[in-house]
Amino acid sequence: MRIATAHFADKGFAGARVDEIAAATATSKRMIYYHFGSKEGLYRAVMREAYRGIRSAELDAGLEDMCPVAALDRLTALTFDYHFHHPELVRLVMDENMRRGPHVGAVDEAKNDLVLPRTQALIDRGVAEGTLRAGLEAVDLHMTISALAFYFVSNRYTFRALFDVDLTSEAVAERRKAQVVETVRRYCLAP
C-alpha cells in the first residue's frame, strides 16, 4: 500500500499507472486487479488508509479526558503534526479536490461520523464551563484547523520559491504549529 500511496500522491489519480505500481511492488497488474478490482479500487484503498491514519490519531488523542482548552490545543497540534508528517494525505486530498471528489465519498474512513461528535462534545464541555464561546460548530472548527494544517503542507514549494522559507523544516513547523494552536484557541475562547 505504501508504494501505491506514493504513486497516487506524486502523480495523482490520472498520472499513476497500475503497471508501474505492480512493477515497484514485484507483483503483477493482474494481481492488483484481482485484489482491488480496478485502478479506482486500488485508489480507494489508498484513500481509506490515508484517512484511517488521521481518524485514528484524532480518536486516540484522549481529548475527552482533558480540560476543553487543553483538548482543543491537543486536537489542533495533532492535526498540524499529522499533516506535516504525512504530506501524502495532503497531496491525495488536493488531487481528489481537483477532480471534484469522485472517490472520497465512497471511503467511509474519510467521513467524520465519529470525530465530529467528539469535537462537538469538547466544544459543549467548554461552553458549559465558560472557557469556550457559544456558537462554535464542530464542522467549522474542523475546517479551520484542517485548513491551517493543510496549507502549511500544500504550499511548501511555492513558499520556498517565493519567500525562501523551508516549510519542510522541523523548526519552522514547530514555530508555525504554535501560531496555529494560538490562533485556534483565541478564536474559540469565551470573551
N, C-alpha and C. Protein backbone atom coordinates (compact mmCIF):
# COMPACT_ATOMS: atom_id res chain seq x y z
N MET A 1 0.83 -1.19 0.00
CA MET A 1 0.00 0.00 0.00
C MET A 1 0.88 1.26 0.00
N ARG A 2 2.03 1.18 0.65
CA ARG A 2 2.94 2.33 0.72
C ARG A 2 3.36 2.79 -0.67
N ILE A 3 3.68 1.86 -1.55
CA ILE A 3 4.13 2.20 -2.89
C ILE A 3 2.99 2.78 -3.72
N ALA A 4 1.81 2.18 -3.62
CA ALA A 4 0.66 2.71 -4.34
C ALA A 4 0.33 4.12 -3.84
N THR A 5 0.41 4.32 -2.54
CA THR A 5 0.17 5.65 -1.97
C THR A 5 1.15 6.66 -2.55
N ALA A 6 2.41 6.30 -2.59
CA ALA A 6 3.43 7.22 -3.13
C ALA A 6 3.14 7.55 -4.60
N HIS A 7 2.75 6.56 -5.37
CA HIS A 7 2.47 6.81 -6.79
C HIS A 7 1.27 7.73 -6.96
N PHE A 8 0.17 7.45 -6.25
CA PHE A 8 -1.02 8.30 -6.38
C PHE A 8 -0.76 9.70 -5.82
N ALA A 9 -0.02 9.79 -4.73
CA ALA A 9 0.27 11.10 -4.14
C ALA A 9 1.18 11.92 -5.04
N ASP A 10 2.15 11.28 -5.67
CA ASP A 10 3.10 12.00 -6.52
C ASP A 10 2.56 12.32 -7.91
N LYS A 11 1.75 11.42 -8.45
CA LYS A 11 1.32 11.57 -9.84
C LYS A 11 -0.17 11.86 -10.00
N GLY A 12 -0.90 11.81 -8.91
CA GLY A 12 -2.35 11.98 -8.99
C GLY A 12 -3.00 10.73 -9.53
N PHE A 13 -4.31 10.69 -9.45
CA PHE A 13 -5.03 9.52 -9.93
C PHE A 13 -4.79 9.31 -11.43
N ALA A 14 -4.89 10.38 -12.20
CA ALA A 14 -4.76 10.27 -13.66
C ALA A 14 -3.35 9.86 -14.08
N GLY A 15 -2.34 10.33 -13.36
CA GLY A 15 -0.96 10.05 -13.77
C GLY A 15 -0.39 8.74 -13.25
N ALA A 16 -0.96 8.20 -12.18
CA ALA A 16 -0.46 6.94 -11.62
C ALA A 16 -0.82 5.80 -12.56
N ARG A 17 0.09 4.87 -12.71
CA ARG A 17 -0.11 3.72 -13.61
C ARG A 17 -0.03 2.43 -12.81
N VAL A 18 -1.04 1.60 -12.96
CA VAL A 18 -1.09 0.34 -12.24
C VAL A 18 0.09 -0.54 -12.61
N ASP A 19 0.51 -0.53 -13.87
CA ASP A 19 1.66 -1.36 -14.26
C ASP A 19 2.94 -0.89 -13.58
N GLU A 20 3.09 0.41 -13.35
CA GLU A 20 4.26 0.92 -12.62
C GLU A 20 4.19 0.53 -11.15
N ILE A 21 3.01 0.60 -10.58
CA ILE A 21 2.83 0.20 -9.18
C ILE A 21 3.12 -1.29 -9.03
N ALA A 22 2.63 -2.09 -9.97
CA ALA A 22 2.87 -3.53 -9.93
C ALA A 22 4.36 -3.82 -10.03
N ALA A 23 5.05 -3.17 -10.94
CA ALA A 23 6.49 -3.39 -11.09
C ALA A 23 7.25 -3.00 -9.83
N ALA A 24 6.84 -1.90 -9.20
CA ALA A 24 7.53 -1.42 -8.00
C ALA A 24 7.26 -2.30 -6.78
N THR A 25 6.18 -3.07 -6.82
CA THR A 25 5.84 -3.95 -5.70
C THR A 25 6.16 -5.41 -5.99
N ALA A 26 6.81 -5.66 -7.11
CA ALA A 26 7.19 -7.02 -7.51
C ALA A 26 5.97 -7.94 -7.55
N THR A 27 4.88 -7.42 -8.07
CA THR A 27 3.68 -8.22 -8.29
C THR A 27 3.22 -7.99 -9.72
N SER A 28 2.07 -8.47 -10.05
CA SER A 28 1.57 -8.27 -11.40
C SER A 28 0.35 -7.35 -11.38
N LYS A 29 0.13 -6.75 -12.51
CA LYS A 29 -1.05 -5.90 -12.67
C LYS A 29 -2.31 -6.74 -12.44
N ARG A 30 -2.27 -7.96 -12.90
CA ARG A 30 -3.41 -8.87 -12.75
C ARG A 30 -3.72 -9.13 -11.27
N MET A 31 -2.67 -9.27 -10.44
CA MET A 31 -2.89 -9.48 -9.01
C MET A 31 -3.50 -8.25 -8.34
N ILE A 32 -3.05 -7.09 -8.77
CA ILE A 32 -3.63 -5.85 -8.22
C ILE A 32 -5.11 -5.79 -8.57
N TYR A 33 -5.45 -6.08 -9.82
CA TYR A 33 -6.85 -6.08 -10.22
C TYR A 33 -7.64 -7.18 -9.51
N TYR A 34 -7.02 -8.29 -9.24
CA TYR A 34 -7.68 -9.37 -8.51
C TYR A 34 -8.06 -8.90 -7.10
N HIS A 35 -7.11 -8.23 -6.42
CA HIS A 35 -7.34 -7.80 -5.04
C HIS A 35 -8.22 -6.54 -4.92
N PHE A 36 -8.07 -5.63 -5.87
CA PHE A 36 -8.75 -4.33 -5.75
C PHE A 36 -9.82 -4.09 -6.80
N GLY A 37 -9.89 -4.95 -7.81
CA GLY A 37 -10.94 -4.85 -8.82
C GLY A 37 -10.64 -3.91 -9.96
N SER A 38 -9.96 -2.81 -9.67
CA SER A 38 -9.70 -1.80 -10.69
C SER A 38 -8.69 -0.79 -10.13
N LYS A 39 -8.28 0.11 -10.99
CA LYS A 39 -7.42 1.21 -10.54
C LYS A 39 -8.18 2.04 -9.50
N GLU A 40 -9.48 2.26 -9.75
CA GLU A 40 -10.30 3.01 -8.81
C GLU A 40 -10.36 2.31 -7.45
N GLY A 41 -10.47 0.99 -7.46
CA GLY A 41 -10.50 0.23 -6.21
C GLY A 41 -9.20 0.36 -5.44
N LEU A 42 -8.08 0.31 -6.16
CA LEU A 42 -6.77 0.49 -5.52
C LEU A 42 -6.66 1.90 -4.95
N TYR A 43 -7.10 2.88 -5.71
CA TYR A 43 -7.06 4.27 -5.26
C TYR A 43 -7.92 4.45 -4.01
N ARG A 44 -9.11 3.87 -3.99
CA ARG A 44 -9.97 3.97 -2.82
C ARG A 44 -9.31 3.31 -1.60
N ALA A 45 -8.61 2.20 -1.82
CA ALA A 45 -7.90 1.54 -0.72
C ALA A 45 -6.79 2.45 -0.19
N VAL A 46 -6.10 3.14 -1.07
CA VAL A 46 -5.07 4.10 -0.66
C VAL A 46 -5.71 5.24 0.14
N MET A 47 -6.81 5.77 -0.36
CA MET A 47 -7.51 6.85 0.34
C MET A 47 -8.00 6.36 1.71
N ARG A 48 -8.52 5.14 1.75
CA ARG A 48 -9.01 4.57 3.01
C ARG A 48 -7.90 4.55 4.05
N GLU A 49 -6.72 4.08 3.65
CA GLU A 49 -5.59 4.01 4.59
C GLU A 49 -5.12 5.40 5.00
N ALA A 50 -5.09 6.32 4.06
CA ALA A 50 -4.64 7.68 4.38
C ALA A 50 -5.59 8.33 5.39
N TYR A 51 -6.87 8.19 5.19
CA TYR A 51 -7.84 8.76 6.13
C TYR A 51 -7.90 7.98 7.43
N ARG A 52 -7.70 6.68 7.36
CA ARG A 52 -7.72 5.88 8.59
C ARG A 52 -6.65 6.38 9.56
N GLY A 53 -5.51 6.77 9.03
CA GLY A 53 -4.42 7.26 9.88
C GLY A 53 -4.80 8.50 10.65
N ILE A 54 -5.35 9.49 9.98
CA ILE A 54 -5.69 10.73 10.70
C ILE A 54 -6.89 10.53 11.59
N ARG A 55 -7.86 9.74 11.16
CA ARG A 55 -9.02 9.50 12.02
C ARG A 55 -8.61 8.75 13.29
N SER A 56 -7.70 7.79 13.16
CA SER A 56 -7.22 7.07 14.35
C SER A 56 -6.50 8.01 15.30
N ALA A 57 -5.67 8.88 14.76
CA ALA A 57 -4.95 9.85 15.60
C ALA A 57 -5.94 10.74 16.35
N GLU A 58 -6.98 11.20 15.65
CA GLU A 58 -7.99 12.05 16.28
C GLU A 58 -8.74 11.30 17.38
N LEU A 59 -9.12 10.06 17.09
CA LEU A 59 -9.90 9.28 18.05
C LEU A 59 -9.07 8.83 19.24
N ASP A 60 -7.78 8.62 19.04
CA ASP A 60 -6.90 8.13 20.11
C ASP A 60 -6.27 9.25 20.93
N ALA A 61 -6.64 10.48 20.69
CA ALA A 61 -5.99 11.62 21.33
C ALA A 61 -6.35 11.78 22.81
N GLY A 62 -7.38 11.10 23.28
CA GLY A 62 -7.77 11.21 24.68
C GLY A 62 -8.35 12.57 25.05
N LEU A 63 -8.98 13.23 24.10
CA LEU A 63 -9.48 14.59 24.33
C LEU A 63 -10.56 14.64 25.40
N GLU A 64 -11.34 13.59 25.52
CA GLU A 64 -12.44 13.60 26.49
C GLU A 64 -11.94 13.60 27.93
N ASP A 65 -10.67 13.23 28.14
CA ASP A 65 -10.08 13.21 29.49
C ASP A 65 -9.34 14.50 29.84
N MET A 66 -9.37 15.48 28.94
CA MET A 66 -8.64 16.72 29.16
C MET A 66 -9.62 17.87 29.35
N CYS A 67 -9.15 18.93 30.00
CA CYS A 67 -9.99 20.11 30.07
C CYS A 67 -10.18 20.64 28.64
N PRO A 68 -11.29 21.30 28.35
CA PRO A 68 -11.61 21.68 26.97
C PRO A 68 -10.53 22.50 26.25
N VAL A 69 -9.94 23.47 26.92
CA VAL A 69 -8.93 24.29 26.24
C VAL A 69 -7.69 23.46 25.92
N ALA A 70 -7.25 22.62 26.86
CA ALA A 70 -6.11 21.74 26.59
C ALA A 70 -6.45 20.74 25.49
N ALA A 71 -7.68 20.24 25.48
CA ALA A 71 -8.10 19.30 24.44
C ALA A 71 -8.11 19.98 23.07
N LEU A 72 -8.58 21.22 23.03
CA LEU A 72 -8.57 22.00 21.79
C LEU A 72 -7.15 22.19 21.28
N ASP A 73 -6.25 22.57 22.18
CA ASP A 73 -4.84 22.73 21.80
C ASP A 73 -4.27 21.41 21.27
N ARG A 74 -4.58 20.31 21.95
CA ARG A 74 -4.08 18.99 21.55
C ARG A 74 -4.62 18.60 20.18
N LEU A 75 -5.91 18.79 19.95
CA LEU A 75 -6.51 18.46 18.66
C LEU A 75 -5.86 19.27 17.54
N THR A 76 -5.67 20.54 17.78
CA THR A 76 -5.05 21.41 16.77
C THR A 76 -3.62 20.98 16.49
N ALA A 77 -2.85 20.75 17.53
CA ALA A 77 -1.44 20.36 17.36
C ALA A 77 -1.32 19.00 16.68
N LEU A 78 -2.14 18.04 17.06
CA LEU A 78 -2.00 16.72 16.44
C LEU A 78 -2.43 16.75 14.98
N THR A 79 -3.43 17.58 14.65
CA THR A 79 -3.83 17.71 13.25
C THR A 79 -2.71 18.34 12.44
N PHE A 80 -2.11 19.38 12.99
CA PHE A 80 -0.98 20.03 12.31
C PHE A 80 0.15 19.02 12.11
N ASP A 81 0.53 18.32 13.18
CA ASP A 81 1.62 17.35 13.10
C ASP A 81 1.31 16.23 12.11
N TYR A 82 0.08 15.74 12.12
CA TYR A 82 -0.27 14.65 11.21
C TYR A 82 -0.10 15.09 9.76
N HIS A 83 -0.61 16.26 9.44
CA HIS A 83 -0.46 16.76 8.07
C HIS A 83 1.02 16.95 7.73
N PHE A 84 1.77 17.53 8.65
CA PHE A 84 3.19 17.78 8.39
C PHE A 84 3.96 16.49 8.12
N HIS A 85 3.67 15.45 8.91
CA HIS A 85 4.41 14.19 8.78
C HIS A 85 3.81 13.23 7.75
N HIS A 86 2.66 13.59 7.19
CA HIS A 86 2.01 12.76 6.17
C HIS A 86 1.60 13.62 4.98
N PRO A 87 2.57 14.20 4.29
CA PRO A 87 2.22 15.07 3.16
C PRO A 87 1.50 14.33 2.04
N GLU A 88 1.62 13.00 2.03
CA GLU A 88 0.90 12.24 1.01
C GLU A 88 -0.61 12.41 1.17
N LEU A 89 -1.09 12.54 2.40
CA LEU A 89 -2.52 12.77 2.62
C LEU A 89 -2.93 14.09 1.98
N VAL A 90 -2.14 15.11 2.17
CA VAL A 90 -2.45 16.42 1.60
C VAL A 90 -2.47 16.34 0.08
N ARG A 91 -1.49 15.67 -0.51
CA ARG A 91 -1.44 15.56 -1.97
C ARG A 91 -2.61 14.74 -2.52
N LEU A 92 -2.98 13.68 -1.82
CA LEU A 92 -4.14 12.88 -2.25
C LEU A 92 -5.42 13.71 -2.18
N VAL A 93 -5.59 14.47 -1.11
CA VAL A 93 -6.78 15.29 -0.97
C VAL A 93 -6.80 16.40 -2.02
N MET A 94 -5.65 17.00 -2.30
CA MET A 94 -5.58 18.04 -3.33
C MET A 94 -6.00 17.46 -4.68
N ASP A 95 -5.48 16.29 -5.01
CA ASP A 95 -5.83 15.66 -6.29
C ASP A 95 -7.31 15.32 -6.35
N GLU A 96 -7.83 14.78 -5.27
CA GLU A 96 -9.25 14.44 -5.23
C GLU A 96 -10.12 15.68 -5.40
N ASN A 97 -9.72 16.79 -4.79
CA ASN A 97 -10.47 18.04 -4.96
C ASN A 97 -10.35 18.59 -6.37
N MET A 98 -9.20 18.48 -6.97
CA MET A 98 -9.03 18.97 -8.35
C MET A 98 -9.94 18.21 -9.30
N ARG A 99 -10.22 16.95 -8.96
CA ARG A 99 -11.09 16.14 -9.81
C ARG A 99 -12.54 16.15 -9.29
N ARG A 100 -12.84 17.07 -8.37
CA ARG A 100 -14.19 17.28 -7.84
C ARG A 100 -14.72 16.11 -7.00
N GLY A 101 -13.80 15.41 -6.33
CA GLY A 101 -14.17 14.41 -5.33
C GLY A 101 -14.89 13.17 -5.81
N PRO A 102 -14.46 12.55 -6.89
CA PRO A 102 -15.22 11.39 -7.39
C PRO A 102 -15.13 10.13 -6.53
N HIS A 103 -14.11 10.00 -5.70
CA HIS A 103 -13.92 8.75 -4.95
C HIS A 103 -14.07 8.88 -3.44
N VAL A 104 -13.81 10.03 -2.89
CA VAL A 104 -13.73 10.16 -1.43
C VAL A 104 -15.06 9.84 -0.74
N GLY A 105 -16.17 10.09 -1.40
CA GLY A 105 -17.47 9.79 -0.81
C GLY A 105 -17.68 8.30 -0.56
N ALA A 106 -16.96 7.46 -1.28
CA ALA A 106 -17.07 6.01 -1.11
C ALA A 106 -16.12 5.48 -0.04
N VAL A 107 -15.36 6.37 0.59
CA VAL A 107 -14.38 5.97 1.60
C VAL A 107 -14.93 6.34 2.98
N ASP A 108 -15.44 5.34 3.69
CA ASP A 108 -16.06 5.59 5.00
C ASP A 108 -15.09 6.25 5.97
N GLU A 109 -13.81 5.89 5.92
CA GLU A 109 -12.83 6.44 6.85
C GLU A 109 -12.64 7.95 6.67
N ALA A 110 -13.01 8.45 5.50
CA ALA A 110 -12.86 9.89 5.25
C ALA A 110 -13.93 10.70 5.97
N LYS A 111 -15.03 10.05 6.28
CA LYS A 111 -16.13 10.76 6.92
C LYS A 111 -15.84 10.96 8.40
N ASN A 112 -16.41 11.99 8.94
CA ASN A 112 -16.14 12.36 10.33
C ASN A 112 -17.27 11.96 11.27
N ASP A 113 -17.91 10.84 11.00
CA ASP A 113 -19.05 10.41 11.81
C ASP A 113 -18.69 10.18 13.27
N LEU A 114 -17.46 9.80 13.55
CA LEU A 114 -17.03 9.59 14.92
C LEU A 114 -16.32 10.80 15.50
N VAL A 115 -15.55 11.48 14.68
CA VAL A 115 -14.73 12.59 15.16
C VAL A 115 -15.54 13.84 15.43
N LEU A 116 -16.43 14.20 14.53
CA LEU A 116 -17.20 15.44 14.72
C LEU A 116 -18.05 15.42 16.00
N PRO A 117 -18.73 14.32 16.33
CA PRO A 117 -19.46 14.32 17.61
C PRO A 117 -18.54 14.52 18.82
N ARG A 118 -17.35 13.95 18.77
CA ARG A 118 -16.40 14.14 19.88
C ARG A 118 -15.92 15.58 19.95
N THR A 119 -15.71 16.18 18.78
CA THR A 119 -15.30 17.59 18.75
C THR A 119 -16.42 18.46 19.28
N GLN A 120 -17.66 18.15 18.90
CA GLN A 120 -18.79 18.93 19.41
C GLN A 120 -18.92 18.76 20.92
N ALA A 121 -18.67 17.55 21.42
CA ALA A 121 -18.71 17.32 22.87
C ALA A 121 -17.65 18.15 23.58
N LEU A 122 -16.46 18.25 22.98
CA LEU A 122 -15.40 19.09 23.54
C LEU A 122 -15.87 20.54 23.60
N ILE A 123 -16.46 21.02 22.51
CA ILE A 123 -16.97 22.39 22.47
C ILE A 123 -18.04 22.58 23.55
N ASP A 124 -18.97 21.65 23.61
CA ASP A 124 -20.06 21.77 24.57
C ASP A 124 -19.56 21.79 26.01
N ARG A 125 -18.55 20.98 26.32
CA ARG A 125 -17.96 20.99 27.66
C ARG A 125 -17.34 22.36 27.96
N GLY A 126 -16.64 22.90 26.96
CA GLY A 126 -16.01 24.21 27.15
C GLY A 126 -17.02 25.32 27.32
N VAL A 127 -18.12 25.26 26.57
CA VAL A 127 -19.17 26.27 26.70
C VAL A 127 -19.81 26.15 28.09
N ALA A 128 -20.07 24.91 28.51
CA ALA A 128 -20.70 24.69 29.82
C ALA A 128 -19.84 25.21 30.97
N GLU A 129 -18.52 25.08 30.84
CA GLU A 129 -17.65 25.57 31.93
C GLU A 129 -17.25 27.02 31.74
N GLY A 130 -17.65 27.61 30.62
CA GLY A 130 -17.39 29.03 30.40
C GLY A 130 -16.04 29.36 29.80
N THR A 131 -15.29 28.35 29.33
CA THR A 131 -13.98 28.62 28.75
C THR A 131 -14.03 28.79 27.22
N LEU A 132 -15.01 28.19 26.56
CA LEU A 132 -15.15 28.32 25.11
C LEU A 132 -16.44 29.07 24.81
N ARG A 133 -16.41 29.84 23.74
CA ARG A 133 -17.57 30.68 23.41
C ARG A 133 -18.70 29.85 22.82
N ALA A 134 -19.89 30.31 23.05
CA ALA A 134 -21.07 29.66 22.49
C ALA A 134 -21.12 29.89 20.99
N GLY A 135 -21.78 28.98 20.29
CA GLY A 135 -21.99 29.15 18.85
C GLY A 135 -20.97 28.44 17.98
N LEU A 136 -19.97 27.81 18.56
CA LEU A 136 -19.00 27.06 17.77
C LEU A 136 -19.63 25.77 17.28
N GLU A 137 -19.35 25.42 16.05
CA GLU A 137 -19.83 24.16 15.46
C GLU A 137 -18.63 23.30 15.13
N ALA A 138 -18.76 22.00 15.39
CA ALA A 138 -17.65 21.08 15.18
C ALA A 138 -17.14 21.10 13.74
N VAL A 139 -18.04 21.12 12.77
CA VAL A 139 -17.60 21.08 11.38
C VAL A 139 -16.82 22.34 11.02
N ASP A 140 -17.23 23.49 11.55
CA ASP A 140 -16.50 24.73 11.28
C ASP A 140 -15.12 24.71 11.94
N LEU A 141 -15.07 24.22 13.18
CA LEU A 141 -13.79 24.12 13.87
C LEU A 141 -12.87 23.16 13.13
N HIS A 142 -13.42 22.02 12.70
CA HIS A 142 -12.62 21.05 11.94
C HIS A 142 -12.07 21.69 10.67
N MET A 143 -12.91 22.44 9.97
CA MET A 143 -12.47 23.08 8.73
C MET A 143 -11.36 24.09 9.00
N THR A 144 -11.48 24.86 10.05
CA THR A 144 -10.47 25.86 10.38
C THR A 144 -9.14 25.20 10.72
N ILE A 145 -9.18 24.21 11.58
CA ILE A 145 -7.94 23.52 11.97
C ILE A 145 -7.32 22.84 10.77
N SER A 146 -8.13 22.14 9.99
CA SER A 146 -7.62 21.43 8.80
C SER A 146 -7.01 22.40 7.80
N ALA A 147 -7.69 23.51 7.59
CA ALA A 147 -7.19 24.49 6.61
C ALA A 147 -5.82 25.01 7.01
N LEU A 148 -5.64 25.34 8.27
CA LEU A 148 -4.37 25.87 8.72
C LEU A 148 -3.26 24.82 8.65
N ALA A 149 -3.59 23.58 8.97
CA ALA A 149 -2.61 22.50 8.89
C ALA A 149 -2.30 22.14 7.44
N PHE A 150 -3.33 22.06 6.63
CA PHE A 150 -3.23 21.67 5.23
C PHE A 150 -2.38 22.66 4.44
N TYR A 151 -2.66 23.93 4.60
CA TYR A 151 -1.98 24.98 3.84
C TYR A 151 -0.48 24.95 4.04
N PHE A 152 -0.06 24.67 5.26
CA PHE A 152 1.37 24.64 5.57
C PHE A 152 2.08 23.58 4.73
N VAL A 153 1.39 22.49 4.43
CA VAL A 153 1.98 21.42 3.61
C VAL A 153 1.73 21.66 2.13
N SER A 154 0.53 22.04 1.77
CA SER A 154 0.18 22.17 0.35
C SER A 154 0.97 23.27 -0.35
N ASN A 155 1.42 24.26 0.39
CA ASN A 155 2.11 25.39 -0.22
C ASN A 155 3.60 25.43 0.09
N ARG A 156 4.15 24.31 0.51
CA ARG A 156 5.57 24.32 0.91
C ARG A 156 6.50 24.66 -0.24
N TYR A 157 6.19 24.26 -1.44
CA TYR A 157 7.11 24.51 -2.56
C TYR A 157 7.00 25.94 -3.08
N THR A 158 5.79 26.49 -3.11
CA THR A 158 5.65 27.87 -3.56
C THR A 158 6.21 28.84 -2.52
N PHE A 159 6.06 28.52 -1.24
CA PHE A 159 6.65 29.38 -0.21
C PHE A 159 8.17 29.38 -0.30
N ARG A 160 8.75 28.23 -0.60
CA ARG A 160 10.21 28.19 -0.74
C ARG A 160 10.64 29.04 -1.93
N ALA A 161 9.95 28.90 -3.04
CA ALA A 161 10.31 29.63 -4.26
C ALA A 161 10.07 31.13 -4.12
N LEU A 162 8.96 31.51 -3.49
CA LEU A 162 8.61 32.93 -3.42
C LEU A 162 9.22 33.66 -2.23
N PHE A 163 9.37 32.98 -1.10
CA PHE A 163 9.79 33.66 0.13
C PHE A 163 11.05 33.07 0.75
N ASP A 164 11.59 32.04 0.12
CA ASP A 164 12.79 31.35 0.63
C ASP A 164 12.57 30.86 2.06
N VAL A 165 11.39 30.29 2.30
CA VAL A 165 11.05 29.72 3.60
C VAL A 165 10.90 28.21 3.40
N ASP A 166 11.60 27.45 4.20
CA ASP A 166 11.58 25.99 4.09
C ASP A 166 10.49 25.41 5.00
N LEU A 167 9.32 25.14 4.44
CA LEU A 167 8.21 24.61 5.22
C LEU A 167 8.35 23.12 5.48
N THR A 168 9.46 22.52 5.07
CA THR A 168 9.73 21.13 5.44
C THR A 168 10.62 21.05 6.68
N SER A 169 11.08 22.19 7.16
CA SER A 169 11.95 22.26 8.33
C SER A 169 11.15 22.00 9.61
N GLU A 170 11.69 21.13 10.46
CA GLU A 170 11.04 20.85 11.75
C GLU A 170 10.94 22.12 12.60
N ALA A 171 11.97 22.94 12.59
CA ALA A 171 11.96 24.17 13.39
C ALA A 171 10.89 25.15 12.89
N VAL A 172 10.79 25.29 11.59
CA VAL A 172 9.77 26.17 11.02
C VAL A 172 8.38 25.61 11.33
N ALA A 173 8.23 24.30 11.25
CA ALA A 173 6.94 23.65 11.53
C ALA A 173 6.54 23.85 12.99
N GLU A 174 7.49 23.71 13.90
CA GLU A 174 7.18 23.91 15.32
C GLU A 174 6.73 25.34 15.59
N ARG A 175 7.41 26.29 14.99
CA ARG A 175 7.03 27.70 15.17
C ARG A 175 5.63 27.95 14.61
N ARG A 176 5.36 27.43 13.43
CA ARG A 176 4.05 27.63 12.81
C ARG A 176 2.97 26.89 13.59
N LYS A 177 3.26 25.68 14.07
CA LYS A 177 2.27 24.94 14.86
C LYS A 177 1.85 25.75 16.08
N ALA A 178 2.81 26.37 16.76
CA ALA A 178 2.48 27.20 17.93
C ALA A 178 1.56 28.35 17.53
N GLN A 179 1.80 28.94 16.37
CA GLN A 179 0.95 30.03 15.89
C GLN A 179 -0.47 29.53 15.58
N VAL A 180 -0.55 28.36 14.97
CA VAL A 180 -1.85 27.79 14.61
C VAL A 180 -2.63 27.44 15.87
N VAL A 181 -1.98 26.81 16.84
CA VAL A 181 -2.64 26.47 18.10
C VAL A 181 -3.17 27.73 18.77
N GLU A 182 -2.35 28.78 18.82
CA GLU A 182 -2.78 30.03 19.46
C GLU A 182 -3.93 30.67 18.69
N THR A 183 -3.87 30.64 17.37
CA THR A 183 -4.93 31.23 16.54
C THR A 183 -6.26 30.53 16.79
N VAL A 184 -6.25 29.21 16.78
CA VAL A 184 -7.49 28.46 17.01
C VAL A 184 -8.00 28.70 18.42
N ARG A 185 -7.10 28.67 19.40
CA ARG A 185 -7.52 28.90 20.79
C ARG A 185 -8.16 30.27 20.94
N ARG A 186 -7.53 31.31 20.40
CA ARG A 186 -8.09 32.66 20.53
C ARG A 186 -9.46 32.77 19.86
N TYR A 187 -9.63 32.09 18.76
CA TYR A 187 -10.92 32.11 18.07
C TYR A 187 -12.01 31.45 18.93
N CYS A 188 -11.64 30.42 19.67
CA CYS A 188 -12.62 29.62 20.40
C CYS A 188 -12.86 30.08 21.84
N LEU A 189 -11.92 30.80 22.42
CA LEU A 189 -12.07 31.18 23.83
C LEU A 189 -13.28 32.08 24.05
N ALA A 190 -13.90 31.87 25.20
CA ALA A 190 -15.03 32.74 25.59
C ALA A 190 -14.50 34.14 25.86
N PRO A 191 -15.30 35.15 25.56
CA PRO A 191 -14.86 36.53 25.80
C PRO A 191 -14.74 36.84 27.30
